[in-house]
């Protein structure tokens, strides 16, 4: 059951969300939007004002009498950052983004590198923290599997065996989130499309293993050991070894067979309403073939809508930002 502290914190989060989505507000308008009492809103807004999370603005009203005080949310009160890593044809890509308290990007940079190591990641963060001293949460996406905080397997071999979260938390204050890249991508798609149903996002890269992310009931499905989404092992179970998959994806018949079998596995376990596919190999005609193949196995009513997303980088960034911002909220799990 909720205790007094839980209720207080959840009420604060409710007020904070209203403030973030309002151009300006008064204590009365916040009370009306949240359904909380004016007295409760007054207490919290005074607290927010004292810590400079909100700013009082000058009155411009010509109305007779004393106008109600108006406020705006201070977007610069706290920032979040995100970093994404990937293998490209000619090397590695490292991207970085810093966003304000409502998710607006204030800085973005992408680098093409010969290698990505933990030292490079730490050094990069040191430079960012010198420029922004109010970053409260960091999200980092890696193309790999994390076990007990350590990167157990990664397409970027230099990062294997590294506990990146601990490495960064030892140097920087704030929340550190290190997860599989498709967790961020799928959540970014979910948030950007305002989808209310369960989704899956499948990535068919040319220089890495097939990956997938799931959002179920509004949350990223990570699994007991954070292994959810490693669907290249499904194809492996069908007899297509993981190393062979990179070659098989370049041949249409084999590619469609792999995608179809992966789809059946996803349909019969997660049963999402929509599947987003991305990667240089997937085409619209492939999707139609896959749907027809799946329709021969399960009823068409179970087959999700499928959409091709060519460039996942913007959704990757969205996922990093929203995940980092979410980590700063008060969470109560029943």
C-alpha atoms as a PDB file:
ATOM      1  CA  UNK A   1       0.000   0.000   0.000  1.00  0.00           C
ATOM      2  CA  UNK A   2       1.017   3.598  -0.554  1.00  0.00           C
ATOM      3  CA  UNK A   3       2.481   5.318   2.464  1.00  0.00           C
ATOM      4  CA  UNK A   4       2.623   9.055   3.148  1.00  0.00           C
ATOM      5  CA  UNK A   5       6.032   9.427   1.510  1.00  0.00           C
ATOM      6  CA  UNK A   6       4.879   7.609  -1.638  1.00  0.00           C
ATOM      7  CA  UNK A   7       1.770   9.793  -1.904  1.00  0.00           C
ATOM      8  CA  UNK A   8       3.807  12.963  -1.422  1.00  0.00           C
ATOM      9  CA  UNK A   9       6.379  12.016  -4.054  1.00  0.00           C
ATOM     10  CA  UNK A  10       3.784  10.862  -6.567  1.00  0.00           C
ATOM     11  CA  UNK A  11       1.853  14.118  -6.103  1.00  0.00           C
ATOM     12  CA  UNK A  12       5.058  16.045  -6.749  1.00  0.00           C
ATOM     13  CA  UNK A  13       5.634  14.098  -9.959  1.00  0.00           C
ATOM     14  CA  UNK A  14       2.070  14.785 -11.063  1.00  0.00           C
ATOM     15  CA  UNK A  15       2.557  18.509 -10.496  1.00  0.00           C
ATOM     16  CA  UNK A  16       5.949  18.432 -12.202  1.00  0.00           C
ATOM     17  CA  UNK A  17       4.458  16.843 -15.339  1.00  0.00           C
ATOM     18  CA  UNK A  18       1.773  19.538 -15.530  1.00  0.00           C
ATOM     19  CA  UNK A  19       4.395  22.266 -15.156  1.00  0.00           C
ATOM     20  CA  UNK A  20       6.622  20.795 -17.848  1.00  0.00           C
ATOM     21  CA  UNK A  21       3.782  20.758 -20.356  1.00  0.00           C
ATOM     22  CA  UNK A  22       2.495  24.265 -19.580  1.00  0.00           C
ATOM     23  CA  UNK A  23       3.747  27.498 -21.148  1.00  0.00           C
ATOM     24  CA  UNK A  24       3.035  29.154 -17.807  1.00  0.00           C
ATOM     25  CA  UNK A  25       0.869  28.349 -14.834  1.00  0.00           C
ATOM     26  CA  UNK A  26      -0.542  29.531 -11.530  1.00  0.00           C
ATOM     27  CA  UNK A  27      -1.066  27.605  -8.329  1.00  0.00           C
ATOM     28  CA  UNK A  28      -4.778  27.476  -9.075  1.00  0.00           C
ATOM     29  CA  UNK A  29      -4.281  26.181 -12.632  1.00  0.00           C
ATOM     30  CA  UNK A  30      -1.953  23.426 -11.400  1.00  0.00           C
ATOM     31  CA  UNK A  31      -4.522  22.440  -8.773  1.00  0.00           C
ATOM     32  CA  UNK A  32      -7.204  22.284 -11.449  1.00  0.00           C
ATOM     33  CA  UNK A  33      -5.075  20.181 -13.803  1.00  0.00           C
ATOM     34  CA  UNK A  34      -3.945  17.709 -11.137  1.00  0.00           C
ATOM     35  CA  UNK A  35      -7.115  17.531  -9.056  1.00  0.00           C
ATOM     36  CA  UNK A  36      -5.052  18.268  -5.946  1.00  0.00           C
ATOM     37  CA  UNK A  37      -5.979  20.949  -3.440  1.00  0.00           C
ATOM     38  CA  UNK A  38      -4.680  24.487  -3.845  1.00  0.00           C
ATOM     39  CA  UNK A  39      -3.027  24.161  -0.426  1.00  0.00           C
ATOM     40  CA  UNK A  40      -1.112  21.034  -1.517  1.00  0.00           C
ATOM     41  CA  UNK A  41      -0.020  22.639  -4.782  1.00  0.00           C
ATOM     42  CA  UNK A  42       0.990  25.786  -2.929  1.00  0.00           C
ATOM     43  CA  UNK A  43       3.296  23.790  -0.642  1.00  0.00           C
ATOM     44  CA  UNK A  44       5.030  21.987  -3.479  1.00  0.00           C
ATOM     45  CA  UNK A  45       5.268  25.003  -5.764  1.00  0.00           C
ATOM     46  CA  UNK A  46       6.917  26.996  -2.975  1.00  0.00           C
ATOM     47  CA  UNK A  47       9.408  24.153  -2.643  1.00  0.00           C
ATOM     48  CA  UNK A  48      10.044  24.090  -6.415  1.00  0.00           C
ATOM     49  CA  UNK A  49      10.462  27.883  -6.392  1.00  0.00           C
ATOM     50  CA  UNK A  50      12.982  27.763  -3.551  1.00  0.00           C
ATOM     51  CA  UNK A  51      15.157  25.195  -5.347  1.00  0.00           C
ATOM     52  CA  UNK A  52      14.766  27.132  -8.634  1.00  0.00           C
ATOM     53  CA  UNK A  53      12.990  24.328 -10.476  1.00  0.00           C
ATOM     54  CA  UNK A  54      10.343  26.915 -11.381  1.00  0.00           C
ATOM     55  CA  UNK A  55      10.687  30.655 -12.001  1.00  0.00           C
ATOM     56  CA  UNK A  56       8.179  33.373 -11.214  1.00  0.00           C
ATOM     57  CA  UNK A  57       7.460  35.604 -14.207  1.00  0.00           C
ATOM     58  CA  UNK A  58       6.487  39.260 -14.320  1.00  0.00           C
ATOM     59  CA  UNK A  59       2.806  40.112 -14.490  1.00  0.00           C
ATOM     60  CA  UNK A  60       1.598  41.719 -17.701  1.00  0.00           C
ATOM     61  CA  UNK A  61      -2.115  41.566 -16.947  1.00  0.00           C
ATOM     62  CA  UNK A  62      -4.129  44.805 -16.946  1.00  0.00           C
ATOM     63  CA  UNK A  63      -6.880  43.298 -14.813  1.00  0.00           C
ATOM     64  CA  UNK A  64      -8.103  45.147 -11.720  1.00  0.00           C
ATOM     65  CA  UNK A  65      -6.911  43.789  -8.404  1.00  0.00           C
ATOM     66  CA  UNK A  66      -3.962  41.663  -7.496  1.00  0.00           C
ATOM     67  CA  UNK A  67      -3.295  39.103 -10.275  1.00  0.00           C
ATOM     68  CA  UNK A  68      -2.366  35.522  -9.433  1.00  0.00           C
ATOM     69  CA  UNK A  69       1.330  34.839  -9.491  1.00  0.00           C
ATOM     70  CA  UNK A  70       2.482  33.052 -12.634  1.00  0.00           C
ATOM     71  CA  UNK A  71       5.379  30.671 -13.067  1.00  0.00           C
ATOM     72  CA  UNK A  72       7.277  28.803 -15.761  1.00  0.00           C
ATOM     73  CA  UNK A  73       9.200  25.562 -15.477  1.00  0.00           C
ATOM     74  CA  UNK A  74      12.982  26.040 -15.462  1.00  0.00           C
ATOM     75  CA  UNK A  75      14.130  23.738 -18.266  1.00  0.00           C
ATOM     76  CA  UNK A  76      17.743  24.274 -17.212  1.00  0.00           C
ATOM     77  CA  UNK A  77      17.179  23.051 -13.665  1.00  0.00           C
ATOM     78  CA  UNK A  78      18.576  19.660 -14.597  1.00  0.00           C
ATOM     79  CA  UNK A  79      19.966  18.119 -17.764  1.00  0.00           C
ATOM     80  CA  UNK A  80      20.340  14.534 -18.961  1.00  0.00           C
ATOM     81  CA  UNK A  81      22.722  13.034 -21.454  1.00  0.00           C
ATOM     82  CA  UNK A  82      22.869  10.029 -23.716  1.00  0.00           C
ATOM     83  CA  UNK A  83      25.574   8.211 -25.646  1.00  0.00           C
ATOM     84  CA  UNK A  84      25.154   5.619 -28.368  1.00  0.00           C
ATOM     85  CA  UNK A  85      27.782   3.329 -29.866  1.00  0.00           C
ATOM     86  CA  UNK A  86      27.685   1.219 -33.005  1.00  0.00           C
ATOM     87  CA  UNK A  87      29.776  -0.620 -35.592  1.00  0.00           C
ATOM     88  CA  UNK A  88      29.757   0.850 -39.071  1.00  0.00           C
ATOM     89  CA  UNK A  89      31.202  -0.349 -42.380  1.00  0.00           C
ATOM     90  CA  UNK A  90      34.426   1.574 -41.982  1.00  0.00           C
ATOM     91  CA  UNK A  91      34.805   1.734 -38.218  1.00  0.00           C
ATOM     92  CA  UNK A  92      32.803   2.804 -35.207  1.00  0.00           C
ATOM     93  CA  UNK A  93      30.303   5.520 -34.479  1.00  0.00           C
ATOM     94  CA  UNK A  94      29.913   7.306 -31.164  1.00  0.00           C
ATOM     95  CA  UNK A  95      27.081   9.768 -30.747  1.00  0.00           C
ATOM     96  CA  UNK A  96      26.333  12.010 -27.821  1.00  0.00           C
ATOM     97  CA  UNK A  97      23.376  14.174 -26.870  1.00  0.00           C
ATOM     98  CA  UNK A  98      22.555  16.507 -23.976  1.00  0.00           C
ATOM     99  CA  UNK A  99      18.939  17.489 -23.296  1.00  0.00           C
ATOM    100  CA  UNK A 100      17.235  19.825 -20.852  1.00  0.00           C
ATOM    101  CA  UNK A 101      14.598  18.950 -18.261  1.00  0.00           C
ATOM    102  CA  UNK A 102      11.778  18.641 -20.787  1.00  0.00           C
ATOM    103  CA  UNK A 103      13.777  16.654 -23.329  1.00  0.00           C
ATOM    104  CA  UNK A 104      14.848  19.442 -25.686  1.00  0.00           C
ATOM    105  CA  UNK A 105      18.262  18.774 -27.231  1.00  0.00           C
ATOM    106  CA  UNK A 106      20.828  21.433 -26.285  1.00  0.00           C
ATOM    107  CA  UNK A 107      23.902  19.714 -27.744  1.00  0.00           C
ATOM    108  CA  UNK A 108      24.455  16.849 -30.153  1.00  0.00           C
ATOM    109  CA  UNK A 109      27.606  15.409 -31.686  1.00  0.00           C
ATOM    110  CA  UNK A 110      28.544  12.339 -33.709  1.00  0.00           C
ATOM    111  CA  UNK A 111      32.066  10.997 -34.141  1.00  0.00           C
ATOM    112  CA  UNK A 112      33.518   8.429 -36.525  1.00  0.00           C
ATOM    113  CA  UNK A 113      36.254   6.523 -34.675  1.00  0.00           C
ATOM    114  CA  UNK A 114      38.743   3.754 -35.340  1.00  0.00           C
ATOM    115  CA  UNK A 115      37.896   2.190 -31.972  1.00  0.00           C
ATOM    116  CA  UNK A 116      35.685   2.685 -28.932  1.00  0.00           C
ATOM    117  CA  UNK A 117      37.107   1.856 -25.518  1.00  0.00           C
ATOM    118  CA  UNK A 118      35.988   2.532 -21.962  1.00  0.00           C
ATOM    119  CA  UNK A 119      38.744   5.142 -21.660  1.00  0.00           C
ATOM    120  CA  UNK A 120      37.374   7.015 -24.663  1.00  0.00           C
ATOM    121  CA  UNK A 121      33.852   6.925 -23.203  1.00  0.00           C
ATOM    122  CA  UNK A 122      35.030   8.208 -19.818  1.00  0.00           C
ATOM    123  CA  UNK A 123      37.177  10.926 -21.409  1.00  0.00           C
ATOM    124  CA  UNK A 124      34.252  12.055 -23.521  1.00  0.00           C
ATOM    125  CA  UNK A 125      32.032  12.317 -20.447  1.00  0.00           C
ATOM    126  CA  UNK A 126      34.678  14.324 -18.613  1.00  0.00           C
ATOM    127  CA  UNK A 127      34.587  16.925 -21.393  1.00  0.00           C
ATOM    128  CA  UNK A 128      30.805  17.059 -21.341  1.00  0.00           C
ATOM    129  CA  UNK A 129      30.631  17.446 -17.556  1.00  0.00           C
ATOM    130  CA  UNK A 130      33.062  20.338 -17.774  1.00  0.00           C
ATOM    131  CA  UNK A 131      30.597  22.108 -20.048  1.00  0.00           C
ATOM    132  CA  UNK A 132      27.377  21.053 -18.293  1.00  0.00           C
ATOM    133  CA  UNK A 133      27.563  20.772 -14.514  1.00  0.00           C
ATOM    134  CA  UNK A 134      23.887  19.984 -13.958  1.00  0.00           C
ATOM    135  CA  UNK A 135      23.632  16.615 -15.737  1.00  0.00           C
ATOM    136  CA  UNK A 136      21.701  14.336 -13.387  1.00  0.00           C
ATOM    137  CA  UNK A 137      21.337  11.160 -15.463  1.00  0.00           C
ATOM    138  CA  UNK A 138      23.337   9.440 -18.191  1.00  0.00           C
ATOM    139  CA  UNK A 139      22.061   6.812 -20.622  1.00  0.00           C
ATOM    140  CA  UNK A 140      24.530   4.723 -22.637  1.00  0.00           C
ATOM    141  CA  UNK A 141      23.547   2.245 -25.336  1.00  0.00           C
ATOM    142  CA  UNK A 142      25.832  -0.608 -26.311  1.00  0.00           C
ATOM    143  CA  UNK A 143      25.339  -3.351 -28.927  1.00  0.00           C
ATOM    144  CA  UNK A 144      25.679  -6.193 -26.460  1.00  0.00           C
ATOM    145  CA  UNK A 145      24.550  -8.068 -23.369  1.00  0.00           C
ATOM    146  CA  UNK A 146      25.031  -6.860 -19.816  1.00  0.00           C
ATOM    147  CA  UNK A 147      25.188  -9.277 -16.868  1.00  0.00           C
ATOM    148  CA  UNK A 148      25.501  -8.100 -13.270  1.00  0.00           C
ATOM    149  CA  UNK A 149      26.530  -4.670 -14.502  1.00  0.00           C
ATOM    150  CA  UNK A 150      29.334  -5.984 -16.703  1.00  0.00           C
ATOM    151  CA  UNK A 151      29.253  -6.037 -20.506  1.00  0.00           C
ATOM    152  CA  UNK A 152      29.428  -9.799 -20.999  1.00  0.00           C
ATOM    153  CA  UNK A 153      29.197  -9.744 -24.790  1.00  0.00           C
ATOM    154  CA  UNK A 154      29.452  -6.845 -27.185  1.00  0.00           C
ATOM    155  CA  UNK A 155      29.846  -6.325 -30.916  1.00  0.00           C
ATOM    156  CA  UNK A 156      32.472  -3.765 -29.878  1.00  0.00           C
ATOM    157  CA  UNK A 157      34.990  -6.229 -28.469  1.00  0.00           C
ATOM    158  CA  UNK A 158      36.984  -3.566 -26.603  1.00  0.00           C
ATOM    159  CA  UNK A 159      34.026  -3.098 -24.238  1.00  0.00           C
ATOM    160  CA  UNK A 160      33.626  -6.740 -23.241  1.00  0.00           C
ATOM    161  CA  UNK A 161      34.313  -7.407 -19.578  1.00  0.00           C
ATOM    162  CA  UNK A 162      33.907  -3.727 -18.628  1.00  0.00           C
ATOM    163  CA  UNK A 163      31.523  -2.605 -15.882  1.00  0.00           C
ATOM    164  CA  UNK A 164      30.846   0.688 -17.581  1.00  0.00           C
ATOM    165  CA  UNK A 165      28.192   1.783 -15.100  1.00  0.00           C
ATOM    166  CA  UNK A 166      30.531   1.468 -12.123  1.00  0.00           C
ATOM    167  CA  UNK A 167      33.383   3.040 -14.034  1.00  0.00           C
ATOM    168  CA  UNK A 168      31.293   6.149 -14.673  1.00  0.00           C
ATOM    169  CA  UNK A 169      29.544   6.270 -11.283  1.00  0.00           C
ATOM    170  CA  UNK A 170      32.955   6.289  -9.589  1.00  0.00           C
ATOM    171  CA  UNK A 171      33.758   9.515 -11.445  1.00  0.00           C
ATOM    172  CA  UNK A 172      30.423  11.279 -11.898  1.00  0.00           C
ATOM    173  CA  UNK A 173      27.411  11.980  -9.712  1.00  0.00           C
ATOM    174  CA  UNK A 174      23.969  11.088 -10.967  1.00  0.00           C
ATOM    175  CA  UNK A 175      22.135   8.097 -12.338  1.00  0.00           C
ATOM    176  CA  UNK A 176      24.045   5.914 -14.807  1.00  0.00           C
ATOM    177  CA  UNK A 177      22.082   3.639 -17.151  1.00  0.00           C
ATOM    178  CA  UNK A 178      23.990   1.225 -19.405  1.00  0.00           C
ATOM    179  CA  UNK A 179      21.758  -1.011 -21.520  1.00  0.00           C
ATOM    180  CA  UNK A 180      21.435  -2.830 -24.805  1.00  0.00           C
ATOM    181  CA  UNK A 181      20.979  -0.394 -27.676  1.00  0.00           C
ATOM    182  CA  UNK A 182      17.638  -1.846 -28.800  1.00  0.00           C
ATOM    183  CA  UNK A 183      16.095  -1.112 -25.413  1.00  0.00           C
ATOM    184  CA  UNK A 184      16.663   2.571 -26.084  1.00  0.00           C
ATOM    185  CA  UNK A 185      15.599   2.344 -29.741  1.00  0.00           C
ATOM    186  CA  UNK A 186      12.324   0.560 -28.966  1.00  0.00           C
ATOM    187  CA  UNK A 187      11.486   2.978 -26.150  1.00  0.00           C
ATOM    188  CA  UNK A 188      12.291   5.933 -28.379  1.00  0.00           C
ATOM    189  CA  UNK A 189       9.943   4.617 -31.055  1.00  0.00           C
ATOM    190  CA  UNK A 190       7.258   3.983 -28.444  1.00  0.00           C
ATOM    191  CA  UNK A 191       7.488   7.523 -27.049  1.00  0.00           C
ATOM    192  CA  UNK A 192       7.808   9.312 -30.398  1.00  0.00           C
ATOM    193  CA  UNK A 193       4.878   7.540 -32.034  1.00  0.00           C
ATOM    194  CA  UNK A 194       2.722   7.959 -28.905  1.00  0.00           C
ATOM    195  CA  UNK A 195       1.853   4.291 -29.231  1.00  0.00           C
ATOM    196  CA  UNK A 196      -0.315   2.923 -26.438  1.00  0.00           C
ATOM    197  CA  UNK A 197       0.021  -0.739 -27.421  1.00  0.00           C
ATOM    198  CA  UNK A 198       2.857  -3.231 -27.028  1.00  0.00           C
ATOM    199  CA  UNK A 199       5.531  -2.987 -29.721  1.00  0.00           C
ATOM    200  CA  UNK A 200       8.667  -4.724 -30.939  1.00  0.00           C
ATOM    201  CA  UNK A 201      11.560  -3.144 -32.833  1.00  0.00           C
ATOM    202  CA  UNK A 202      13.855  -5.433 -34.857  1.00  0.00           C
ATOM    203  CA  UNK A 203      17.201  -4.323 -36.230  1.00  0.00           C
ATOM    204  CA  UNK A 204      18.950  -6.168 -39.064  1.00  0.00           C
ATOM    205  CA  UNK A 205      22.460  -4.632 -39.085  1.00  0.00           C
ATOM    206  CA  UNK A 206      25.071  -5.376 -41.713  1.00  0.00           C
ATOM    207  CA  UNK A 207      27.996  -5.606 -39.304  1.00  0.00           C
ATOM    208  CA  UNK A 208      26.474  -6.932 -36.087  1.00  0.00           C
ATOM    209  CA  UNK A 209      23.952  -9.474 -34.832  1.00  0.00           C
ATOM    210  CA  UNK A 210      20.203  -9.173 -35.197  1.00  0.00           C
ATOM    211  CA  UNK A 211      18.714  -7.388 -32.196  1.00  0.00           C
ATOM    212  CA  UNK A 212      15.280  -6.559 -30.894  1.00  0.00           C
ATOM    213  CA  UNK A 213      13.631  -4.399 -28.247  1.00  0.00           C
ATOM    214  CA  UNK A 214      10.187  -4.799 -26.697  1.00  0.00           C
ATOM    215  CA  UNK A 215       7.929  -2.317 -24.944  1.00  0.00           C
ATOM    216  CA  UNK A 216       5.152  -4.011 -22.958  1.00  0.00           C
ATOM    217  CA  UNK A 217       2.624  -2.065 -20.877  1.00  0.00           C
ATOM    218  CA  UNK A 218       4.650   1.085 -21.457  1.00  0.00           C
ATOM    219  CA  UNK A 219       7.908  -0.381 -20.166  1.00  0.00           C
ATOM    220  CA  UNK A 220      10.916  -1.858 -21.884  1.00  0.00           C
ATOM    221  CA  UNK A 221      10.946  -5.629 -21.445  1.00  0.00           C
ATOM    222  CA  UNK A 222      14.455  -6.460 -20.259  1.00  0.00           C
ATOM    223  CA  UNK A 223      14.072  -9.964 -18.850  1.00  0.00           C
ATOM    224  CA  UNK A 224      15.375 -11.605 -15.685  1.00  0.00           C
ATOM    225  CA  UNK A 225      19.025 -11.473 -16.792  1.00  0.00           C
ATOM    226  CA  UNK A 226      18.658  -8.514 -19.203  1.00  0.00           C
ATOM    227  CA  UNK A 227      18.811 -10.978 -22.098  1.00  0.00           C
ATOM    228  CA  UNK A 228      15.430 -10.180 -23.654  1.00  0.00           C
ATOM    229  CA  UNK A 229      15.757  -9.124 -27.284  1.00  0.00           C
ATOM    230  CA  UNK A 230      18.748 -11.283 -28.213  1.00  0.00           C
ATOM    231  CA  UNK A 231      16.724 -12.889 -30.987  1.00  0.00           C
ATOM    232  CA  UNK A 232      19.740 -13.932 -33.060  1.00  0.00           C
ATOM    233  CA  UNK A 233      19.764 -16.965 -30.769  1.00  0.00           C
ATOM    234  CA  UNK A 234      16.284 -17.872 -32.032  1.00  0.00           C
ATOM    235  CA  UNK A 235      17.619 -18.146 -35.580  1.00  0.00           C
ATOM    236  CA  UNK A 236      20.548 -20.102 -34.141  1.00  0.00           C
ATOM    237  CA  UNK A 237      18.057 -22.544 -32.632  1.00  0.00           C
ATOM    238  CA  UNK A 238      16.516 -22.964 -36.097  1.00  0.00           C
ATOM    239  CA  UNK A 239      19.924 -24.086 -37.361  1.00  0.00           C
ATOM    240  CA  UNK A 240      21.288 -20.797 -38.702  1.00  0.00           C
ATOM    241  CA  UNK A 241      24.392 -20.134 -36.630  1.00  0.00           C
ATOM    242  CA  UNK A 242      24.878 -16.583 -35.440  1.00  0.00           C
ATOM    243  CA  UNK A 243      28.038 -16.054 -37.469  1.00  0.00           C
ATOM    244  CA  UNK A 244      26.277 -17.386 -40.563  1.00  0.00           C
ATOM    245  CA  UNK A 245      23.360 -15.006 -40.144  1.00  0.00           C
ATOM    246  CA  UNK A 246      25.365 -12.009 -41.324  1.00  0.00           C
ATOM    247  CA  UNK A 247      25.890 -13.750 -44.658  1.00  0.00           C
ATOM    248  CA  UNK A 248      22.364 -15.172 -44.808  1.00  0.00           C
ATOM    249  CA  UNK A 249      20.830 -11.695 -44.418  1.00  0.00           C
ATOM    250  CA  UNK A 250      22.347 -10.740 -47.782  1.00  0.00           C
ATOM    251  CA  UNK A 251      20.389 -13.429 -49.630  1.00  0.00           C
ATOM    252  CA  UNK A 252      16.684 -12.673 -50.070  1.00  0.00           C
ATOM    253  CA  UNK A 253      15.289 -16.167 -49.593  1.00  0.00           C
ATOM    254  CA  UNK A 254      17.357 -16.830 -46.483  1.00  0.00           C
ATOM    255  CA  UNK A 255      16.679 -13.345 -45.181  1.00  0.00           C
ATOM    256  CA  UNK A 256      12.919 -13.740 -45.507  1.00  0.00           C
ATOM    257  CA  UNK A 257      13.047 -17.164 -43.886  1.00  0.00           C
ATOM    258  CA  UNK A 258      14.953 -15.794 -40.889  1.00  0.00           C
ATOM    259  CA  UNK A 259      12.616 -12.808 -40.502  1.00  0.00           C
ATOM    260  CA  UNK A 260       9.517 -15.001 -40.788  1.00  0.00           C
ATOM    261  CA  UNK A 261      10.673 -17.413 -38.100  1.00  0.00           C
ATOM    262  CA  UNK A 262      11.646 -14.576 -35.816  1.00  0.00           C
ATOM    263  CA  UNK A 263       8.232 -13.009 -36.346  1.00  0.00           C
ATOM    264  CA  UNK A 264       6.436 -16.211 -35.371  1.00  0.00           C
ATOM    265  CA  UNK A 265       8.505 -16.422 -32.184  1.00  0.00           C
ATOM    266  CA  UNK A 266       7.671 -12.810 -31.333  1.00  0.00           C
ATOM    267  CA  UNK A 267       3.981 -13.139 -32.214  1.00  0.00           C
ATOM    268  CA  UNK A 268       3.525 -16.227 -30.064  1.00  0.00           C
ATOM    269  CA  UNK A 269       5.374 -14.827 -27.039  1.00  0.00           C
ATOM    270  CA  UNK A 270       5.064 -11.046 -26.855  1.00  0.00           C
ATOM    271  CA  UNK A 271       2.128 -10.736 -29.286  1.00  0.00           C
ATOM    272  CA  UNK A 272       2.758  -7.026 -30.025  1.00  0.00           C
ATOM    273  CA  UNK A 273       0.312  -4.761 -31.830  1.00  0.00           C
ATOM    274  CA  UNK A 274       3.039  -3.334 -34.036  1.00  0.00           C
ATOM    275  CA  UNK A 275       6.522  -4.335 -35.184  1.00  0.00           C
ATOM    276  CA  UNK A 276       9.056  -1.805 -36.431  1.00  0.00           C
ATOM    277  CA  UNK A 277      11.826  -3.159 -38.664  1.00  0.00           C
ATOM    278  CA  UNK A 278      15.012  -1.392 -39.583  1.00  0.00           C
ATOM    279  CA  UNK A 279      18.245  -2.170 -41.403  1.00  0.00           C
ATOM    280  CA  UNK A 280      19.625  -1.866 -44.903  1.00  0.00           C
ATOM    281  CA  UNK A 281      18.277  -5.278 -46.003  1.00  0.00           C
ATOM    282  CA  UNK A 282      14.558  -4.947 -45.263  1.00  0.00           C
ATOM    283  CA  UNK A 283      12.192  -3.835 -48.047  1.00  0.00           C
ATOM    284  CA  UNK A 284       8.413  -3.526 -48.356  1.00  0.00           C
ATOM    285  CA  UNK A 285       8.181  -6.636 -50.544  1.00  0.00           C
ATOM    286  CA  UNK A 286      10.045  -8.563 -47.838  1.00  0.00           C
ATOM    287  CA  UNK A 287       7.459  -7.507 -45.278  1.00  0.00           C
ATOM    288  CA  UNK A 288       4.604  -8.740 -47.449  1.00  0.00           C
ATOM    289  CA  UNK A 289       6.310 -12.099 -47.972  1.00  0.00           C
ATOM    290  CA  UNK A 290       6.914 -12.439 -44.235  1.00  0.00           C
ATOM    291  CA  UNK A 291       3.287 -11.614 -43.419  1.00  0.00           C
ATOM    292  CA  UNK A 292       2.038 -14.213 -45.923  1.00  0.00           C
ATOM    293  CA  UNK A 293       4.390 -16.853 -44.496  1.00  0.00           C
ATOM    294  CA  UNK A 294       3.254 -16.086 -40.948  1.00  0.00           C
ATOM    295  CA  UNK A 295      -0.396 -16.243 -42.067  1.00  0.00           C
ATOM    296  CA  UNK A 296       0.211 -19.862 -43.007  1.00  0.00           C
ATOM    297  CA  UNK A 297       1.174 -20.607 -39.409  1.00  0.00           C
ATOM    298  CA  UNK A 298      -1.077 -18.404 -37.267  1.00  0.00           C
ATOM    299  CA  UNK A 299      -4.389 -16.658 -37.808  1.00  0.00           C
ATOM    300  CA  UNK A 300      -4.021 -13.277 -39.527  1.00  0.00           C
ATOM    301  CA  UNK A 301      -5.683 -11.611 -36.562  1.00  0.00           C
ATOM    302  CA  UNK A 302      -2.548 -12.305 -34.510  1.00  0.00           C
ATOM    303  CA  UNK A 303      -0.152 -10.775 -37.032  1.00  0.00           C
ATOM    304  CA  UNK A 304       0.923  -7.262 -35.973  1.00  0.00           C
ATOM    305  CA  UNK A 305       1.132  -4.229 -38.207  1.00  0.00           C
ATOM    306  CA  UNK A 306       4.653  -3.896 -39.582  1.00  0.00           C
ATOM    307  CA  UNK A 307       6.415  -0.631 -40.339  1.00  0.00           C
ATOM    308  CA  UNK A 308       9.875  -0.057 -41.804  1.00  0.00           C
ATOM    309  CA  UNK A 309      11.959   2.608 -40.053  1.00  0.00           C
ATOM    310  CA  UNK A 310      15.000   3.511 -42.134  1.00  0.00           C
ATOM    311  CA  UNK A 311      16.981   5.702 -39.775  1.00  0.00           C
ATOM    312  CA  UNK A 312      16.848   4.600 -36.148  1.00  0.00           C
ATOM    313  CA  UNK A 313      19.326   7.209 -34.888  1.00  0.00           C
ATOM    314  CA  UNK A 314      16.648   9.836 -34.076  1.00  0.00           C
ATOM    315  CA  UNK A 315      14.605   7.194 -32.202  1.00  0.00           C
ATOM    316  CA  UNK A 316      17.759   5.954 -30.469  1.00  0.00           C
ATOM    317  CA  UNK A 317      18.351   9.498 -29.225  1.00  0.00           C
ATOM    318  CA  UNK A 318      14.714   9.840 -28.149  1.00  0.00           C
ATOM    319  CA  UNK A 319      15.025   6.618 -26.175  1.00  0.00           C
ATOM    320  CA  UNK A 320      18.221   7.724 -24.457  1.00  0.00           C
ATOM    321  CA  UNK A 321      16.697  11.060 -23.447  1.00  0.00           C
ATOM    322  CA  UNK A 322      13.359   9.683 -22.228  1.00  0.00           C
ATOM    323  CA  UNK A 323      14.989   6.815 -20.341  1.00  0.00           C
ATOM    324  CA  UNK A 324      17.345   9.219 -18.584  1.00  0.00           C
ATOM    325  CA  UNK A 325      14.505  11.619 -17.738  1.00  0.00           C
ATOM    326  CA  UNK A 326      12.328   8.744 -16.482  1.00  0.00           C
ATOM    327  CA  UNK A 327      15.124   7.640 -14.149  1.00  0.00           C
ATOM    328  CA  UNK A 328      14.831  10.970 -12.318  1.00  0.00           C
ATOM    329  CA  UNK A 329      11.156  10.441 -11.519  1.00  0.00           C
ATOM    330  CA  UNK A 330       9.863   8.875  -8.354  1.00  0.00           C
ATOM    331  CA  UNK A 331       8.715   5.321  -9.049  1.00  0.00           C
ATOM    332  CA  UNK A 332       6.408   3.251  -6.938  1.00  0.00           C
ATOM    333  CA  UNK A 333       6.057  -0.386  -7.936  1.00  0.00           C
ATOM    334  CA  UNK A 334       3.061  -2.245  -6.615  1.00  0.00           C
END
